[in-house]
Amino acid sequence: ARALAAGARAEGVVREAAWGRIVPLADPFGHGWCLLQFLGRGYEEIA
């Protein structure tokens, strides 16, 4: 919500996996970013 209000553009929906949640964004300058929230043990869930 904060990134979108600042001018980012979501480039997909929030996806959930065993390790966490992720959503791709673009900043106003064309650069790609992802917001990532780890759940449980993060990447250890799939290591």
All heavy atoms as atom14 arrays in JSON, in Angstrom:
{
  "sequence": "ARALAAGARAEGVVREAAWGRIVPLADPFGHGWCLLQFLGRGYEEIA",
  "atom14_mask": [
    [1, 1, 1, 1, 1, 0, 0, 0, 0, 0, 0, 0, 0, 0],
    [1, 1, 1, 1, 1, 1, 1, 1, 1, 1, 1, 0, 0, 0],
    [1, 1, 1, 1, 1, 0, 0, 0, 0, 0, 0, 0, 0, 0],
    [1, 1, 1, 1, 1, 1, 1, 1, 0, 0, 0, 0, 0, 0],
    [1, 1, 1, 1, 1, 0, 0, 0, 0, 0, 0, 0, 0, 0],
    [1, 1, 1, 1, 1, 0, 0, 0, 0, 0, 0, 0, 0, 0],
    [1, 1, 1, 1, 0, 0, 0, 0, 0, 0, 0, 0, 0, 0],
    [1, 1, 1, 1, 1, 0, 0, 0, 0, 0, 0, 0, 0, 0],
    [1, 1, 1, 1, 1, 1, 1, 1, 1, 1, 1, 0, 0, 0],
    [1, 1, 1, 1, 1, 0, 0, 0, 0, 0, 0, 0, 0, 0],
    [1, 1, 1, 1, 1, 1, 1, 1, 1, 0, 0, 0, 0, 0],
    [1, 1, 1, 1, 0, 0, 0, 0, 0, 0, 0, 0, 0, 0],
    [1, 1, 1, 1, 1, 1, 1, 0, 0, 0, 0, 0, 0, 0],
    [1, 1, 1, 1, 1, 1, 1, 0, 0, 0, 0, 0, 0, 0],
    [1, 1, 1, 1, 1, 1, 1, 1, 1, 1, 1, 0, 0, 0],
    [1, 1, 1, 1, 1, 1, 1, 1, 1, 0, 0, 0, 0, 0],
    [1, 1, 1, 1, 1, 0, 0, 0, 0, 0, 0, 0, 0, 0],
    [1, 1, 1, 1, 1, 0, 0, 0, 0, 0, 0, 0, 0, 0],
    [1, 1, 1, 1, 1, 1, 1, 1, 1, 1, 1, 1, 1, 1],
    [1, 1, 1, 1, 0, 0, 0, 0, 0, 0, 0, 0, 0, 0],
    [1, 1, 1, 1, 1, 1, 1, 1, 1, 1, 1, 0, 0, 0],
    [1, 1, 1, 1, 1, 1, 1, 1, 0, 0, 0, 0, 0, 0],
    [1, 1, 1, 1, 1, 1, 1, 0, 0, 0, 0, 0, 0, 0],
    [1, 1, 1, 1, 1, 1, 1, 0, 0, 0, 0, 0, 0, 0],
    [1, 1, 1, 1, 1, 1, 1, 1, 0, 0, 0, 0, 0, 0],
    [1, 1, 1, 1, 1, 0, 0, 0, 0, 0, 0, 0, 0, 0],
    [1, 1, 1, 1, 1, 1, 1, 1, 0, 0, 0, 0, 0, 0],
    [1, 1, 1, 1, 1, 1, 1, 0, 0, 0, 0, 0, 0, 0],
    [1, 1, 1, 1, 1, 1, 1, 1, 1, 1, 1, 0, 0, 0],
    [1, 1, 1, 1, 0, 0, 0, 0, 0, 0, 0, 0, 0, 0],
    [1, 1, 1, 1, 1, 1, 1, 1, 1, 1, 0, 0, 0, 0],
    [1, 1, 1, 1, 0, 0, 0, 0, 0, 0, 0, 0, 0, 0],
    [1, 1, 1, 1, 1, 1, 1, 1, 1, 1, 1, 1, 1, 1],
    [1, 1, 1, 1, 1, 1, 0, 0, 0, 0, 0, 0, 0, 0],
    [1, 1, 1, 1, 1, 1, 1, 1, 0, 0, 0, 0, 0, 0],
    [1, 1, 1, 1, 1, 1, 1, 1, 0, 0, 0, 0, 0, 0],
    [1, 1, 1, 1, 1, 1, 1, 1, 1, 0, 0, 0, 0, 0],
    [1, 1, 1, 1, 1, 1, 1, 1, 1, 1, 1, 0, 0, 0],
    [1, 1, 1, 1, 1, 1, 1, 1, 0, 0, 0, 0, 0, 0],
    [1, 1, 1, 1, 0, 0, 0, 0, 0, 0, 0, 0, 0, 0],
    [1, 1, 1, 1, 1, 1, 1, 1, 1, 1, 1, 0, 0, 0],
    [1, 1, 1, 1, 0, 0, 0, 0, 0, 0, 0, 0, 0, 0],
    [1, 1, 1, 1, 1, 1, 1, 1, 1, 1, 1, 1, 0, 0],
    [1, 1, 1, 1, 1, 1, 1, 1, 1, 0, 0, 0, 0, 0],
    [1, 1, 1, 1, 1, 1, 1, 1, 1, 0, 0, 0, 0, 0],
    [1, 1, 1, 1, 1, 1, 1, 1, 0, 0, 0, 0, 0, 0],
    [1, 1, 1, 1, 1, 0, 0, 0, 0, 0, 0, 0, 0, 0]
  ],
  "atom14_positions": [
    [[0.84, -1.21, 0.0], [0.0, 0.0, 0.0], [0.87, 1.25, 0.0], [0.6, 2.22, -0.73], [-0.95, -0.01, 1.2], [0.0, 0.0, 0.0], [0.0, 0.0, 0.0], [0.0, 0.0, 0.0], [0.0, 0.0, 0.0], [0.0, 0.0, 0.0], [0.0, 0.0, 0.0], [0.0, 0.0, 0.0], [0.0, 0.0, 0.0], [0.0, 0.0, 0.0]],
    [[1.93, 1.25, 0.81], [2.83, 2.41, 0.87], [3.55, 2.63, -0.45], [3.66, 3.75, -0.94], [3.83, 2.21, 2.01], [4.62, 3.46, 2.33], [5.36, 3.31, 3.62], [6.71, 2.83, 3.32], [7.57, 2.45, 4.21], [7.26, 2.45, 5.48], [8.77, 2.06, 3.86], [0.0, 0.0, 0.0], [0.0, 0.0, 0.0], [0.0, 0.0, 0.0]],
    [[4.05, 1.55, -1.07], [4.76, 1.67, -2.35], [3.83, 2.17, -3.45], [4.21, 3.03, -4.24], [5.38, 0.33, -2.73], [0.0, 0.0, 0.0], [0.0, 0.0, 0.0], [0.0, 0.0, 0.0], [0.0, 0.0, 0.0], [0.0, 0.0, 0.0], [0.0, 0.0, 0.0], [0.0, 0.0, 0.0], [0.0, 0.0, 0.0], [0.0, 0.0, 0.0]],
    [[2.61, 1.65, -3.5], [1.66, 2.09, -4.51], [1.3, 3.56, -4.33], [1.22, 4.31, -5.3], [0.4, 1.21, -4.48], [0.59, -0.26, -4.89], [-0.69, -1.03, -4.66], [1.1, -0.39, -6.3], [0.0, 0.0, 0.0], [0.0, 0.0, 0.0], [0.0, 0.0, 0.0], [0.0, 0.0, 0.0], [0.0, 0.0, 0.0], [0.0, 0.0, 0.0]],
    [[1.1, 3.98, -3.09], [0.78, 5.38, -2.81], [1.92, 6.3, -3.22], [1.69, 7.46, -3.6], [0.44, 5.56, -1.33], [0.0, 0.0, 0.0], [0.0, 0.0, 0.0], [0.0, 0.0, 0.0], [0.0, 0.0, 0.0], [0.0, 0.0, 0.0], [0.0, 0.0, 0.0], [0.0, 0.0, 0.0], [0.0, 0.0, 0.0], [0.0, 0.0, 0.0]],
    [[3.16, 5.8, -3.16], [4.34, 6.6, -3.52], [4.56, 6.64, -5.03], [5.37, 7.43, -5.5], [5.58, 6.04, -2.83], [0.0, 0.0, 0.0], [0.0, 0.0, 0.0], [0.0, 0.0, 0.0], [0.0, 0.0, 0.0], [0.0, 0.0, 0.0], [0.0, 0.0, 0.0], [0.0, 0.0, 0.0], [0.0, 0.0, 0.0], [0.0, 0.0, 0.0]],
    [[3.86, 5.8, -5.79], [4.0, 5.84, -7.25], [4.47, 4.56, -7.89], [4.66, 4.51, -9.1], [0.0, 0.0, 0.0], [0.0, 0.0, 0.0], [0.0, 0.0, 0.0], [0.0, 0.0, 0.0], [0.0, 0.0, 0.0], [0.0, 0.0, 0.0], [0.0, 0.0, 0.0], [0.0, 0.0, 0.0], [0.0, 0.0, 0.0], [0.0, 0.0, 0.0]],
    [[4.67, 3.49, -7.11], [5.03, 2.2, -7.69], [3.82, 1.63, -8.43], [2.68, 2.03, -8.18], [5.49, 1.22, -6.61], [0.0, 0.0, 0.0], [0.0, 0.0, 0.0], [0.0, 0.0, 0.0], [0.0, 0.0, 0.0], [0.0, 0.0, 0.0], [0.0, 0.0, 0.0], [0.0, 0.0, 0.0], [0.0, 0.0, 0.0], [0.0, 0.0, 0.0]],
    [[4.09, 0.7, -9.31], [3.03, 0.02, -10.05], [3.16, -1.48, -9.79], [4.22, -2.07, -10.02], [3.18, 0.31, -11.54], [2.03, -0.17, -12.39], [2.18, 0.24, -13.85], [3.35, -0.37, -14.48], [4.46, 0.29, -14.84], [4.57, 1.58, -14.65], [5.46, -0.35, -15.4], [0.0, 0.0, 0.0], [0.0, 0.0, 0.0], [0.0, 0.0, 0.0]],
    [[2.1, -2.1, -9.28], [2.1, -3.55, -9.08], [2.1, -4.22, -10.45], [1.42, -3.78, -11.37], [0.9, -3.99, -8.26], [0.0, 0.0, 0.0], [0.0, 0.0, 0.0], [0.0, 0.0, 0.0], [0.0, 0.0, 0.0], [0.0, 0.0, 0.0], [0.0, 0.0, 0.0], [0.0, 0.0, 0.0], [0.0, 0.0, 0.0], [0.0, 0.0, 0.0]],
    [[2.89, -5.29, -10.57], [2.98, -5.99, -11.86], [2.51, -7.43, -11.73], [2.94, -8.29, -12.48], [4.41, -5.93, -12.38], [4.82, -4.51, -12.69], [6.08, -4.44, -13.51], [7.04, -5.16, -13.19], [6.09, -3.65, -14.47], [0.0, 0.0, 0.0], [0.0, 0.0, 0.0], [0.0, 0.0, 0.0], [0.0, 0.0, 0.0], [0.0, 0.0, 0.0]],
    [[1.65, -7.68, -10.82], [1.1, -9.0, -10.59], [0.41, -9.01, -9.25], [0.37, -7.99, -8.55], [0.0, 0.0, 0.0], [0.0, 0.0, 0.0], [0.0, 0.0, 0.0], [0.0, 0.0, 0.0], [0.0, 0.0, 0.0], [0.0, 0.0, 0.0], [0.0, 0.0, 0.0], [0.0, 0.0, 0.0], [0.0, 0.0, 0.0], [0.0, 0.0, 0.0]],
    [[-0.14, -10.14, -8.92], [-0.83, -10.28, -7.65], [0.14, -10.78, -6.59], [1.23, -11.28, -6.91], [-2.02, -11.26, -7.78], [-3.04, -10.71, -8.77], [-1.55, -12.64, -8.19], [0.0, 0.0, 0.0], [0.0, 0.0, 0.0], [0.0, 0.0, 0.0], [0.0, 0.0, 0.0], [0.0, 0.0, 0.0], [0.0, 0.0, 0.0], [0.0, 0.0, 0.0]],
    [[-0.25, -10.65, -5.35], [0.54, -11.22, -4.26], [0.44, -12.74, -4.38], [-0.64, -13.3, -4.51], [-0.01, -10.76, -2.89], [0.71, -11.47, -1.75], [0.11, -9.24, -2.75], [0.0, 0.0, 0.0], [0.0, 0.0, 0.0], [0.0, 0.0, 0.0], [0.0, 0.0, 0.0], [0.0, 0.0, 0.0], [0.0, 0.0, 0.0], [0.0, 0.0, 0.0]],
    [[1.6, -13.37, -4.41], [1.66, -14.84, -4.47], [2.19, -15.36, -3.14], [3.02, -14.71, -2.51], [2.59, -15.29, -5.6], [2.09, -14.89, -6.97], [3.02, -15.41, -8.06], [4.41, -15.38, -7.66], [5.37, -14.71, -8.3], [5.11, -14.02, -9.37], [6.61, -14.74, -7.87], [0.0, 0.0, 0.0], [0.0, 0.0, 0.0], [0.0, 0.0, 0.0]],
    [[1.71, -16.53, -2.76], [2.16, -17.14, -1.51], [2.8, -18.49, -1.81], [2.33, -19.24, -2.67], [0.99, -17.31, -0.54], [1.46, -17.67, 0.84], [0.42, -17.4, 1.92], [-0.32, -16.41, 1.82], [0.39, -18.19, 2.88], [0.0, 0.0, 0.0], [0.0, 0.0, 0.0], [0.0, 0.0, 0.0], [0.0, 0.0, 0.0], [0.0, 0.0, 0.0]],
    [[3.9, -18.77, -1.09], [4.62, -20.04, -1.22], [4.94, -20.53, 0.19], [4.67, -19.83, 1.18], [5.9, -19.83, -2.02], [0.0, 0.0, 0.0], [0.0, 0.0, 0.0], [0.0, 0.0, 0.0], [0.0, 0.0, 0.0], [0.0, 0.0, 0.0], [0.0, 0.0, 0.0], [0.0, 0.0, 0.0], [0.0, 0.0, 0.0], [0.0, 0.0, 0.0]],
    [[5.55, -21.69, 0.28], [5.9, -22.25, 1.59], [6.83, -21.32, 2.37], [6.77, -21.25, 3.59], [6.55, -23.62, 1.42], [0.0, 0.0, 0.0], [0.0, 0.0, 0.0], [0.0, 0.0, 0.0], [0.0, 0.0, 0.0], [0.0, 0.0, 0.0], [0.0, 0.0, 0.0], [0.0, 0.0, 0.0], [0.0, 0.0, 0.0], [0.0, 0.0, 0.0]],
    [[7.67, -20.58, 1.67], [8.66, -19.71, 2.32], [8.13, -18.32, 2.63], [8.71, -17.58, 3.41], [9.92, -19.59, 1.45], [9.61, -19.22, 0.03], [9.47, -20.08, -1.02], [9.37, -17.92, -0.49], [9.16, -19.38, -2.16], [9.09, -18.05, -1.86], [9.38, -16.64, 0.07], [8.82, -16.97, -2.69], [9.1, -15.56, -0.75], [8.83, -15.74, -2.11]],
    [[7.03, -17.87, 1.93], [6.53, -16.53, 2.2], [5.62, -16.0, 1.12], [5.08, -16.76, 0.3], [0.0, 0.0, 0.0], [0.0, 0.0, 0.0], [0.0, 0.0, 0.0], [0.0, 0.0, 0.0], [0.0, 0.0, 0.0], [0.0, 0.0, 0.0], [0.0, 0.0, 0.0], [0.0, 0.0, 0.0], [0.0, 0.0, 0.0], [0.0, 0.0, 0.0]],
    [[5.49, -14.68, 1.09], [4.62, -13.98, 0.13], [5.47, -12.99, -0.66], [6.42, -12.41, -0.13], [3.54, -13.22, 0.89], [2.68, -14.11, 1.76], [1.75, -13.31, 2.65], [0.73, -12.67, 1.83], [0.23, -11.46, 2.08], [0.65, -10.74, 3.11], [-0.7, -10.94, 1.29], [0.0, 0.0, 0.0], [0.0, 0.0, 0.0], [0.0, 0.0, 0.0]],
    [[5.08, -12.76, -1.93], [5.87, -11.89, -2.8], [4.95, -11.19, -3.8], [3.93, -11.76, -4.21], [6.97, -12.7, -3.54], [7.94, -11.78, -4.27], [6.36, -13.75, -4.44], [9.2, -12.49, -4.76], [0.0, 0.0, 0.0], [0.0, 0.0, 0.0], [0.0, 0.0, 0.0], [0.0, 0.0, 0.0], [0.0, 0.0, 0.0], [0.0, 0.0, 0.0]],
    [[5.31, -9.96, -4.17], [4.6, -9.24, -5.22], [5.62, -8.44, -6.03], [6.49, -7.78, -5.46], [3.49, -8.33, -4.66], [4.03, -7.22, -3.78], [2.62, -7.76, -5.77], [0.0, 0.0, 0.0], [0.0, 0.0, 0.0], [0.0, 0.0, 0.0], [0.0, 0.0, 0.0], [0.0, 0.0, 0.0], [0.0, 0.0, 0.0], [0.0, 0.0, 0.0]],
    [[5.56, -8.51, -7.37], [6.47, -7.72, -8.2], [5.92, -6.3, -8.41], [4.71, -6.09, -8.52], [6.5, -8.5, -9.52], [5.19, -9.22, -9.58], [4.79, -9.48, -8.16], [0.0, 0.0, 0.0], [0.0, 0.0, 0.0], [0.0, 0.0, 0.0], [0.0, 0.0, 0.0], [0.0, 0.0, 0.0], [0.0, 0.0, 0.0], [0.0, 0.0, 0.0]],
    [[6.85, -5.33, -8.46], [6.53, -3.92, -8.65], [7.45, -3.32, -9.69], [8.52, -3.85, -9.97], [6.78, -3.12, -7.36], [6.11, -3.5, -6.08], [6.68, -2.65, -4.94], [4.62, -3.28, -6.2], [0.0, 0.0, 0.0], [0.0, 0.0, 0.0], [0.0, 0.0, 0.0], [0.0, 0.0, 0.0], [0.0, 0.0, 0.0], [0.0, 0.0, 0.0]],
    [[7.07, -2.15, -10.18], [7.98, -1.3, -10.96], [7.98, 0.06, -10.3], [6.94, 0.57, -9.88], [7.51, -1.19, -12.4], [0.0, 0.0, 0.0], [0.0, 0.0, 0.0], [0.0, 0.0, 0.0], [0.0, 0.0, 0.0], [0.0, 0.0, 0.0], [0.0, 0.0, 0.0], [0.0, 0.0, 0.0], [0.0, 0.0, 0.0], [0.0, 0.0, 0.0]],
    [[9.16, 0.66, -10.19], [9.24, 2.02, -9.68], [8.92, 3.0, -10.82], [8.78, 2.58, -11.97], [10.6, 2.29, -9.01], [11.77, 2.43, -9.96], [11.57, 2.51, -11.2], [12.91, 2.47, -9.48], [0.0, 0.0, 0.0], [0.0, 0.0, 0.0], [0.0, 0.0, 0.0], [0.0, 0.0, 0.0], [0.0, 0.0, 0.0], [0.0, 0.0, 0.0]],
    [[8.8, 4.3, -10.54], [8.46, 5.26, -11.6], [9.55, 5.42, -12.66], [9.35, 6.12, -13.64], [8.27, 6.57, -10.82], [7.97, 6.17, -9.43], [8.75, 4.9, -9.21], [0.0, 0.0, 0.0], [0.0, 0.0, 0.0], [0.0, 0.0, 0.0], [0.0, 0.0, 0.0], [0.0, 0.0, 0.0], [0.0, 0.0, 0.0], [0.0, 0.0, 0.0]],
    [[10.7, 4.77, -12.48], [11.82, 4.92, -13.39], [12.06, 3.66, -14.21], [13.1, 3.49, -14.84], [13.07, 5.32, -12.6], [12.79, 6.51, -11.74], [12.42, 6.35, -10.41], [12.82, 7.79, -12.25], [12.1, 7.44, -9.63], [12.5, 8.89, -11.48], [12.13, 8.71, -10.16], [0.0, 0.0, 0.0], [0.0, 0.0, 0.0], [0.0, 0.0, 0.0]],
    [[11.1, 2.74, -14.18], [11.17, 1.54, -15.0], [11.89, 0.36, -14.39], [12.01, -0.69, -15.01], [0.0, 0.0, 0.0], [0.0, 0.0, 0.0], [0.0, 0.0, 0.0], [0.0, 0.0, 0.0], [0.0, 0.0, 0.0], [0.0, 0.0, 0.0], [0.0, 0.0, 0.0], [0.0, 0.0, 0.0], [0.0, 0.0, 0.0], [0.0, 0.0, 0.0]],
    [[12.39, 0.5, -13.16], [13.15, -0.57, -12.51], [12.21, -1.55, -11.81], [11.26, -1.14, -11.16], [14.13, 0.0, -11.49], [15.01, 1.07, -12.03], [15.89, 0.87, -13.07], [15.14, 2.38, -11.69], [16.53, 1.99, -13.33], [16.09, 2.92, -12.51], [0.0, 0.0, 0.0], [0.0, 0.0, 0.0], [0.0, 0.0, 0.0], [0.0, 0.0, 0.0]],
    [[12.53, -2.84, -11.91], [11.74, -3.87, -11.26], [12.19, -4.13, -9.84], [13.39, -4.11, -9.54], [0.0, 0.0, 0.0], [0.0, 0.0, 0.0], [0.0, 0.0, 0.0], [0.0, 0.0, 0.0], [0.0, 0.0, 0.0], [0.0, 0.0, 0.0], [0.0, 0.0, 0.0], [0.0, 0.0, 0.0], [0.0, 0.0, 0.0], [0.0, 0.0, 0.0]],
    [[11.24, -4.34, -8.96], [11.46, -4.65, -7.55], [10.47, -5.72, -7.15], [9.43, -5.87, -7.78], [11.19, -3.42, -6.67], [12.13, -2.29, -6.88], [12.06, -1.33, -7.85], [13.28, -2.01, -6.12], [13.1, -0.46, -7.73], [13.87, -0.85, -6.66], [13.88, -2.6, -5.02], [15.03, -0.29, -6.14], [15.03, -2.03, -4.5], [15.59, -0.89, -5.06]],
    [[10.75, -6.42, -6.08], [9.76, -7.3, -5.45], [9.7, -6.96, -3.97], [10.73, -6.69, -3.35], [10.12, -8.77, -5.6], [9.9, -9.4, -7.28], [0.0, 0.0, 0.0], [0.0, 0.0, 0.0], [0.0, 0.0, 0.0], [0.0, 0.0, 0.0], [0.0, 0.0, 0.0], [0.0, 0.0, 0.0], [0.0, 0.0, 0.0], [0.0, 0.0, 0.0]],
    [[8.5, -6.96, -3.43], [8.32, -6.92, -1.99], [8.15, -8.36, -1.54], [7.4, -9.13, -2.15], [7.08, -6.11, -1.61], [7.12, -4.63, -1.96], [5.79, -3.97, -1.6], [8.27, -3.93, -1.24], [0.0, 0.0, 0.0], [0.0, 0.0, 0.0], [0.0, 0.0, 0.0], [0.0, 0.0, 0.0], [0.0, 0.0, 0.0], [0.0, 0.0, 0.0]],
    [[8.86, -8.73, -0.48], [8.9, -10.12, -0.04], [8.7, -10.17, 1.46], [9.36, -9.43, 2.19], [10.26, -10.69, -0.43], [10.52, -12.15, -0.21], [11.49, -12.63, -1.28], [11.08, -12.41, 1.15], [0.0, 0.0, 0.0], [0.0, 0.0, 0.0], [0.0, 0.0, 0.0], [0.0, 0.0, 0.0], [0.0, 0.0, 0.0], [0.0, 0.0, 0.0]],
    [[7.77, -11.0, 1.91], [7.54, -11.22, 3.34], [7.8, -12.7, 3.63], [7.12, -13.57, 3.09], [6.1, -10.87, 3.71], [5.76, -11.14, 5.16], [4.28, -10.91, 5.46], [3.52, -10.43, 4.63], [3.88, -11.25, 6.67], [0.0, 0.0, 0.0], [0.0, 0.0, 0.0], [0.0, 0.0, 0.0], [0.0, 0.0, 0.0], [0.0, 0.0, 0.0]],
    [[8.8, -12.98, 4.45], [9.07, -14.36, 4.82], [8.02, -14.85, 5.8], [7.55, -14.09, 6.65], [10.46, -14.5, 5.44], [11.58, -14.4, 4.45], [12.54, -13.41, 4.56], [11.67, -15.29, 3.4], [13.58, -13.31, 3.64], [12.7, -15.21, 2.47], [13.66, -14.21, 2.61], [0.0, 0.0, 0.0], [0.0, 0.0, 0.0], [0.0, 0.0, 0.0]],
    [[7.65, -16.11, 5.68], [6.75, -16.77, 6.62], [7.47, -17.98, 7.2], [8.36, -18.54, 6.56], [5.47, -17.22, 5.91], [4.61, -16.12, 5.29], [3.44, -16.74, 4.52], [4.11, -15.14, 6.34], [0.0, 0.0, 0.0], [0.0, 0.0, 0.0], [0.0, 0.0, 0.0], [0.0, 0.0, 0.0], [0.0, 0.0, 0.0], [0.0, 0.0, 0.0]],
    [[7.07, -18.39, 8.38], [7.7, -19.56, 9.0], [9.2, -19.37, 9.1], [9.68, -18.38, 9.63], [0.0, 0.0, 0.0], [0.0, 0.0, 0.0], [0.0, 0.0, 0.0], [0.0, 0.0, 0.0], [0.0, 0.0, 0.0], [0.0, 0.0, 0.0], [0.0, 0.0, 0.0], [0.0, 0.0, 0.0], [0.0, 0.0, 0.0], [0.0, 0.0, 0.0]],
    [[9.95, -20.29, 8.53], [11.42, -20.23, 8.55], [11.98, -19.65, 7.27], [13.15, -19.83, 6.96], [11.99, -21.63, 8.79], [11.58, -22.24, 10.14], [12.09, -23.67, 10.32], [11.59, -24.52, 9.24], [12.32, -25.45, 8.61], [13.56, -25.67, 8.94], [11.79, -26.19, 7.64], [0.0, 0.0, 0.0], [0.0, 0.0, 0.0], [0.0, 0.0, 0.0]],
    [[11.15, -18.95, 6.48], [11.63, -18.33, 5.25], [12.12, -19.39, 4.28], [11.5, -20.44, 4.1], [0.0, 0.0, 0.0], [0.0, 0.0, 0.0], [0.0, 0.0, 0.0], [0.0, 0.0, 0.0], [0.0, 0.0, 0.0], [0.0, 0.0, 0.0], [0.0, 0.0, 0.0], [0.0, 0.0, 0.0], [0.0, 0.0, 0.0], [0.0, 0.0, 0.0]],
    [[13.24, -19.11, 3.63], [13.78, -20.04, 2.63], [14.15, -21.4, 3.23], [14.27, -22.38, 2.5], [14.98, -19.44, 1.92], [14.63, -18.33, 0.94], [15.48, -17.24, 0.8], [13.49, -18.38, 0.18], [15.18, -16.23, -0.09], [13.17, -17.37, -0.71], [14.03, -16.3, -0.85], [13.73, -15.3, -1.73], [0.0, 0.0, 0.0], [0.0, 0.0, 0.0]],
    [[14.34, -21.48, 4.54], [14.62, -22.78, 5.17], [13.46, -23.75, 4.96], [13.65, -24.96, 5.02], [14.91, -22.61, 6.67], [16.27, -22.04, 6.95], [17.4, -22.9, 6.42], [17.37, -24.15, 6.6], [18.31, -22.35, 5.79], [0.0, 0.0, 0.0], [0.0, 0.0, 0.0], [0.0, 0.0, 0.0], [0.0, 0.0, 0.0], [0.0, 0.0, 0.0]],
    [[12.25, -23.23, 4.71], [11.1, -24.09, 4.46], [11.27, -24.94, 3.21], [10.65, -25.99, 3.09], [9.82, -23.25, 4.34], [9.44, -22.48, 5.58], [8.92, -23.36, 6.72], [8.63, -24.55, 6.5], [8.82, -22.84, 7.85], [0.0, 0.0, 0.0], [0.0, 0.0, 0.0], [0.0, 0.0, 0.0], [0.0, 0.0, 0.0], [0.0, 0.0, 0.0]],
    [[12.12, -24.48, 2.26], [12.29, -25.22, 1.0], [13.72, -25.67, 0.76], [14.02, -26.27, -0.27], [11.78, -24.39, -0.2], [12.55, -23.07, -0.31], [10.28, -24.17, -0.09], [12.26, -22.29, -1.58], [0.0, 0.0, 0.0], [0.0, 0.0, 0.0], [0.0, 0.0, 0.0], [0.0, 0.0, 0.0], [0.0, 0.0, 0.0], [0.0, 0.0, 0.0]],
    [[14.62, -25.35, 1.69], [16.03, -25.71, 1.51], [16.2, -27.24, 1.56], [15.54, -27.92, 2.33], [16.9, -25.06, 2.6], [0.0, 0.0, 0.0], [0.0, 0.0, 0.0], [0.0, 0.0, 0.0], [0.0, 0.0, 0.0], [0.0, 0.0, 0.0], [0.0, 0.0, 0.0], [0.0, 0.0, 0.0], [0.0, 0.0, 0.0], [0.0, 0.0, 0.0]]
  ]
}
